[in-house]
C-alpha atoms as a PDB file:
ATOM      1  CA  MET A   1      34.562 -61.188   9.048  1.00  0.00           C
ATOM      2  CA  GLU A   2      37.858 -61.222   9.640  1.00  0.00           C
ATOM      3  CA  LEU A   3      37.561 -61.705  13.328  1.00  0.00           C
ATOM      4  CA  LEU A   4      35.450 -65.224  11.941  1.00  0.00           C
ATOM      5  CA  LYS A   5      38.182 -66.383   9.635  1.00  0.00           C
ATOM      6  CA  LYS A   6      40.500 -66.234  12.477  1.00  0.00           C
ATOM      7  CA  TYR A   7      38.590 -68.375  14.342  1.00  0.00           C
ATOM      8  CA  LYS A   8      37.004 -70.406  12.268  1.00  0.00           C
ATOM      9  CA  ILE A   9      38.438 -73.660  13.160  1.00  0.00           C
ATOM     10  CA  VAL A  10      38.017 -73.375  17.027  1.00  0.00           C
ATOM     11  CA  ILE A  11      33.888 -72.081  16.343  1.00  0.00           C
ATOM     12  CA  LEU A  12      33.886 -75.225  13.993  1.00  0.00           C
ATOM     13  CA  ILE A  13      34.827 -77.448  17.013  1.00  0.00           C
ATOM     14  CA  LEU A  14      33.386 -75.558  19.888  1.00  0.00           C
ATOM     15  CA  VAL A  15      29.745 -75.320  18.578  1.00  0.00           C
ATOM     16  CA  PRO A  16      29.173 -78.706  17.579  1.00  0.00           C
ATOM     17  CA  VAL A  17      30.559 -79.902  21.331  1.00  0.00           C
ATOM     18  CA  ILE A  18      28.406 -76.927  22.938  1.00  0.00           C
ATOM     19  CA  LEU A  19      25.408 -79.056  21.688  1.00  0.00           C
ATOM     20  CA  LEU A  20      26.209 -82.559  22.073  1.00  0.00           C
ATOM     21  CA  VAL A  21      26.468 -81.065  25.950  1.00  0.00           C
ATOM     22  CA  ILE A  22      22.928 -79.418  25.933  1.00  0.00           C
ATOM     23  CA  LEU A  23      21.538 -82.785  24.382  1.00  0.00           C
ATOM     24  CA  ARG A  24      23.465 -84.911  26.801  1.00  0.00           C
ATOM     25  CA  LEU A  25      21.969 -82.982  29.521  1.00  0.00           C
ATOM     26  CA  LEU A  26      18.558 -83.035  28.450  1.00  0.00           C
ATOM     27  CA  GLY A  27      19.052 -86.308  27.618  1.00  0.00           C
ATOM     28  CA  THR A  28      16.818 -88.969  29.807  1.00  0.00           C
ATOM     29  CA  ASN A  29      19.487 -91.498  30.655  1.00  0.00           C
ATOM     30  CA  HIS A  30      20.076 -90.684  34.086  1.00  0.00           C
ATOM     31  CA  PHE A  31      19.228 -90.863  37.564  1.00  0.00           C
ATOM     32  CA  LYS A  32      16.463 -88.069  38.053  1.00  0.00           C
ATOM     33  CA  PRO A  33      16.071 -88.073  41.874  1.00  0.00           C
ATOM     34  CA  ASP A  34      19.221 -87.816  44.187  1.00  0.00           C
ATOM     35  CA  ALA A  35      20.840 -90.587  45.558  1.00  0.00           C
ATOM     36  CA  LYS A  36      21.274 -89.857  49.026  1.00  0.00           C
ATOM     37  CA  ARG A  37      17.305 -89.422  49.324  1.00  0.00           C
ATOM     38  CA  TRP A  38      16.177 -91.577  46.807  1.00  0.00           C
ATOM     39  CA  ALA A  39      18.208 -94.560  48.790  1.00  0.00           C
ATOM     40  CA  GLU A  40      17.215 -93.285  52.304  1.00  0.00           C
ATOM     41  CA  PRO A  41      13.959 -95.808  52.067  1.00  0.00           C
ATOM     42  CA  THR A  42      16.205 -98.766  51.672  1.00  0.00           C
ATOM     43  CA  PHE A  43      17.957 -98.145  54.656  1.00  0.00           C
ATOM     44  CA  SER A  44      15.127 -97.778  56.833  1.00  0.00           C
ATOM     45  CA  GLY A  45      12.969-100.423  55.447  1.00  0.00           C
ATOM     46  CA  ALA A  46      10.303 -97.712  54.305  1.00  0.00           C
ATOM     47  CA  ASN A  47       9.807 -99.058  50.633  1.00  0.00           C
ATOM     48  CA  ILE A  48       8.635-102.923  52.538  1.00  0.00           C
ATOM     49  CA  ILE A  49       5.159-103.525  53.094  1.00  0.00           C
ATOM     50  CA  THR A  50       3.556-106.714  54.163  1.00  0.00           C
ATOM     51  CA  SER A  51      -0.487-108.062  53.212  1.00  0.00           C
ATOM     52  CA  GLU A  52      -1.657-106.760  56.218  1.00  0.00           C
ATOM     53  CA  LYS A  53      -0.229-103.462  56.858  1.00  0.00           C
ATOM     54  CA  VAL A  54      -1.983-102.635  52.945  1.00  0.00           C
ATOM     55  CA  GLU A  55      -5.434-104.210  53.992  1.00  0.00           C
ATOM     56  CA  THR A  56      -5.746-101.134  56.538  1.00  0.00           C
ATOM     57  CA  LEU A  57      -4.713 -98.501  53.529  1.00  0.00           C
ATOM     58  CA  ALA A  58      -6.628 -96.798  52.020  1.00  0.00           C
ATOM     59  CA  GLY A  59      -5.914 -95.862  47.847  1.00  0.00           C
ATOM     60  CA  LYS A  60      -5.478 -97.531  44.701  1.00  0.00           C
ATOM     61  CA  PHE A  61      -3.202-100.188  44.547  1.00  0.00           C
ATOM     62  CA  LEU A  62      -1.240-101.877  41.188  1.00  0.00           C
ATOM     63  CA  ILE A  63       0.176-104.901  41.898  1.00  0.00           C
ATOM     64  CA  VAL A  64       3.130-106.017  39.565  1.00  0.00           C
ATOM     65  CA  ASN A  65       3.309-109.168  40.183  1.00  0.00           C
ATOM     66  CA  LEU A  66       7.129-110.569  39.153  1.00  0.00           C
ATOM     67  CA  ASP A  67       6.550-114.481  39.648  1.00  0.00           C
ATOM     68  CA  SER A  68       5.490-116.858  36.840  1.00  0.00           C
ATOM     69  CA  ASP A  69       2.788-118.805  39.247  1.00  0.00           C
ATOM     70  CA  LYS A  70      -0.262-117.096  39.870  1.00  0.00           C
ATOM     71  CA  LYS A  71      -0.460-115.793  43.334  1.00  0.00           C
ATOM     72  CA  SER A  72      -4.164-115.123  44.340  1.00  0.00           C
ATOM     73  CA  PHE A  73      -4.461-111.556  44.981  1.00  0.00           C
ATOM     74  CA  PRO A  74      -7.980-109.690  46.536  1.00  0.00           C
ATOM     75  CA  ALA A  75     -10.091-108.616  43.714  1.00  0.00           C
ATOM     76  CA  ALA A  76     -10.272-105.178  44.254  1.00  0.00           C
ATOM     77  CA  TYR A  77      -6.841-104.389  43.097  1.00  0.00           C
ATOM     78  CA  GLU A  78      -5.307-103.669  39.879  1.00  0.00           C
ATOM     79  CA  ILE A  79      -2.660-106.704  38.769  1.00  0.00           C
ATOM     80  CA  LEU A  80      -0.017-106.387  36.326  1.00  0.00           C
ATOM     81  CA  THR A  81       2.021-109.463  35.276  1.00  0.00           C
ATOM     82  CA  SER A  82       5.424-109.608  34.199  1.00  0.00           C
ATOM     83  CA  THR A  83       8.936-110.727  34.332  1.00  0.00           C
ATOM     84  CA  PRO A  84      11.874-108.930  35.709  1.00  0.00           C
ATOM     85  CA  ASP A  85      13.616-108.682  32.159  1.00  0.00           C
ATOM     86  CA  ALA A  86      10.506-107.157  30.612  1.00  0.00           C
ATOM     87  CA  ILE A  87       9.758-104.456  33.370  1.00  0.00           C
ATOM     88  CA  LEU A  88      10.770-102.032  31.419  1.00  0.00           C
ATOM     89  CA  ASN A  89       8.677-102.687  28.470  1.00  0.00           C
ATOM     90  CA  LYS A  90       7.105 -99.258  26.634  1.00  0.00           C
ATOM     91  CA  ASP A  91       4.019-100.889  27.032  1.00  0.00           C
ATOM     92  CA  ILE A  92       4.215-101.776  30.952  1.00  0.00           C
ATOM     93  CA  LEU A  93       6.293 -98.478  32.096  1.00  0.00           C
ATOM     94  CA  GLU A  94       3.587 -96.255  30.309  1.00  0.00           C
ATOM     95  CA  ARG A  95       0.894 -97.957  32.349  1.00  0.00           C
ATOM     96  CA  MET A  96       3.015 -97.942  35.902  1.00  0.00           C
ATOM     97  CA  HIS A  97       3.230 -93.922  35.045  1.00  0.00           C
ATOM     98  CA  ASP A  98      -0.224 -93.257  34.279  1.00  0.00           C
ATOM     99  CA  PHE A  99      -1.810 -95.036  37.540  1.00  0.00           C
ATOM    100  CA  GLU A 100      -2.826 -92.609  40.125  1.00  0.00           C
ATOM    101  CA  GLY A 101      -2.313 -94.253  43.039  1.00  0.00           C
ATOM    102  CA  SER A 102       0.474 -97.260  44.710  1.00  0.00           C
ATOM    103  CA  ILE A 103       2.344 -99.314  42.897  1.00  0.00           C
ATOM    104  CA  LEU A 104       3.452-102.394  44.668  1.00  0.00           C
ATOM    105  CA  ILE A 105       6.288-104.602  43.805  1.00  0.00           C
ATOM    106  CA  TYR A 106       5.617-108.349  44.118  1.00  0.00           C
ATOM    107  CA  SER A 107       7.998-111.527  44.089  1.00  0.00           C
ATOM    108  CA  SER A 108       8.309-114.562  46.281  1.00  0.00           C
ATOM    109  CA  ASP A 109      12.492-113.745  46.192  1.00  0.00           C
ATOM    110  CA  ILE A 110      11.988-109.908  47.838  1.00  0.00           C
ATOM    111  CA  SER A 111      15.389-109.707  46.194  1.00  0.00           C
ATOM    112  CA  ILE A 112      14.100-109.380  42.564  1.00  0.00           C
ATOM    113  CA  SER A 113      11.308-107.139  43.723  1.00  0.00           C
ATOM    114  CA  SER A 114      13.765-104.882  45.390  1.00  0.00           C
ATOM    115  CA  GLY A 115      15.847-104.706  42.527  1.00  0.00           C
ATOM    116  CA  VAL A 116      13.304-103.712  40.466  1.00  0.00           C
ATOM    117  CA  TRP A 117      12.069-101.041  43.062  1.00  0.00           C
ATOM    118  CA  MET A 118      15.571-100.356  42.688  1.00  0.00           C
ATOM    119  CA  ILE A 119      15.328 -99.476  38.874  1.00  0.00           C
ATOM    120  CA  LEU A 120      12.015 -98.048  38.779  1.00  0.00           C
ATOM    121  CA  SER A 121      12.703 -95.561  41.601  1.00  0.00           C
ATOM    122  CA  GLN A 122      16.009 -93.917  39.612  1.00  0.00           C
ATOM    123  CA  MET A 123      13.554 -93.351  36.825  1.00  0.00           C
ATOM    124  CA  GLY A 124      11.764 -91.102  38.783  1.00  0.00           C
ATOM    125  CA  MET A 125       8.810 -92.800  39.591  1.00  0.00           C
ATOM    126  CA  THR A 126       7.367 -92.470  43.273  1.00  0.00           C
ATOM    127  CA  ASN A 127       4.422 -94.250  45.371  1.00  0.00           C
ATOM    128  CA  ILE A 128       6.633 -97.552  44.551  1.00  0.00           C
ATOM    129  CA  LEU A 129       6.635-100.515  47.547  1.00  0.00           C
ATOM    130  CA  VAL A 130       8.172-104.034  47.879  1.00  0.00           C
ATOM    131  CA  LEU A 131       4.889-105.804  48.272  1.00  0.00           C
ATOM    132  CA  THR A 132       6.311-108.830  50.484  1.00  0.00           C
ATOM    133  CA  ASP A 133       4.819-111.839  52.844  1.00  0.00           C
ATOM    134  CA  ASP A 134       7.657-111.705  55.148  1.00  0.00           C
ATOM    135  CA  LYS A 135       6.047-110.367  58.182  1.00  0.00           C
ATOM    136  CA  ASN A 136       9.927-111.198  60.269  1.00  0.00           C
ATOM    137  CA  ASN A 137      11.649-108.768  57.419  1.00  0.00           C
ATOM    138  CA  GLU A 138      15.061-110.322  58.020  1.00  0.00           C
ATOM    139  CA  SER A 139      16.555-107.108  56.875  1.00  0.00           C
ATOM    140  CA  GLN A 140      15.174-105.071  59.559  1.00  0.00           C
ATOM    141  CA  LYS A 141      16.131-107.814  62.955  1.00  0.00           C
ATOM    142  CA  TYR A 142      19.943-106.874  62.445  1.00  0.00           C
ATOM    143  CA  GLU A 143      22.180-103.701  63.154  1.00  0.00           C
ATOM    144  CA  PHE A 144      24.857-103.584  60.638  1.00  0.00           C
ATOM    145  CA  ARG A 145      28.664-103.666  62.890  1.00  0.00           C
ATOM    146  CA  SER A 146      31.732-103.618  61.198  1.00  0.00           C
ATOM    147  CA  ASP A 147      34.290-106.459  62.589  1.00  0.00           C
ATOM    148  CA  THR A 148      36.394-105.156  64.859  1.00  0.00           C
ATOM    149  CA  MET A 149      38.625-108.459  64.684  1.00  0.00           C
ATOM    150  CA  ALA A 150      39.790-107.852  61.024  1.00  0.00           C
ATOM    151  CA  ARG A 151      42.755-105.648  60.732  1.00  0.00           C
ATOM    152  CA  PRO A 152      45.223-104.951  57.836  1.00  0.00           C
ATOM    153  CA  GLU A 153      47.894-108.097  56.678  1.00  0.00           C
ATOM    154  CA  LEU A 154      51.150-105.667  57.455  1.00  0.00           C
END
């Protein structure tokens, strides 16, 4: 008992701190997959698929249309129309989590659909691809080369 009286202040500070650390670790506001492993599909272009490739694949597909205009998709696919701002709404996330198949994110601007892919991937969702109409994906044409002519100012 004398030991508790002696370290009462330390215990009063340490116990809440330990509880807060445990709660923070168990929270859902952090990235689930490893960042390096998560970014690999972006670098290789494996997360981008064209309409022609989708038709050759088997399985169920949910197309998330991020455009306000109505693009026609084959009737065999489930279509979910949303805006990029509303993609994190509870009902839309639940529908994507409950869907058993691949989720294709479509926007006429590939940077928007890639950004949504990034956010959903960071949240731990799998089987997500970016659907594009561009047969010649510009990002896959050129290899990054650093500017060898640049040098620091002296």
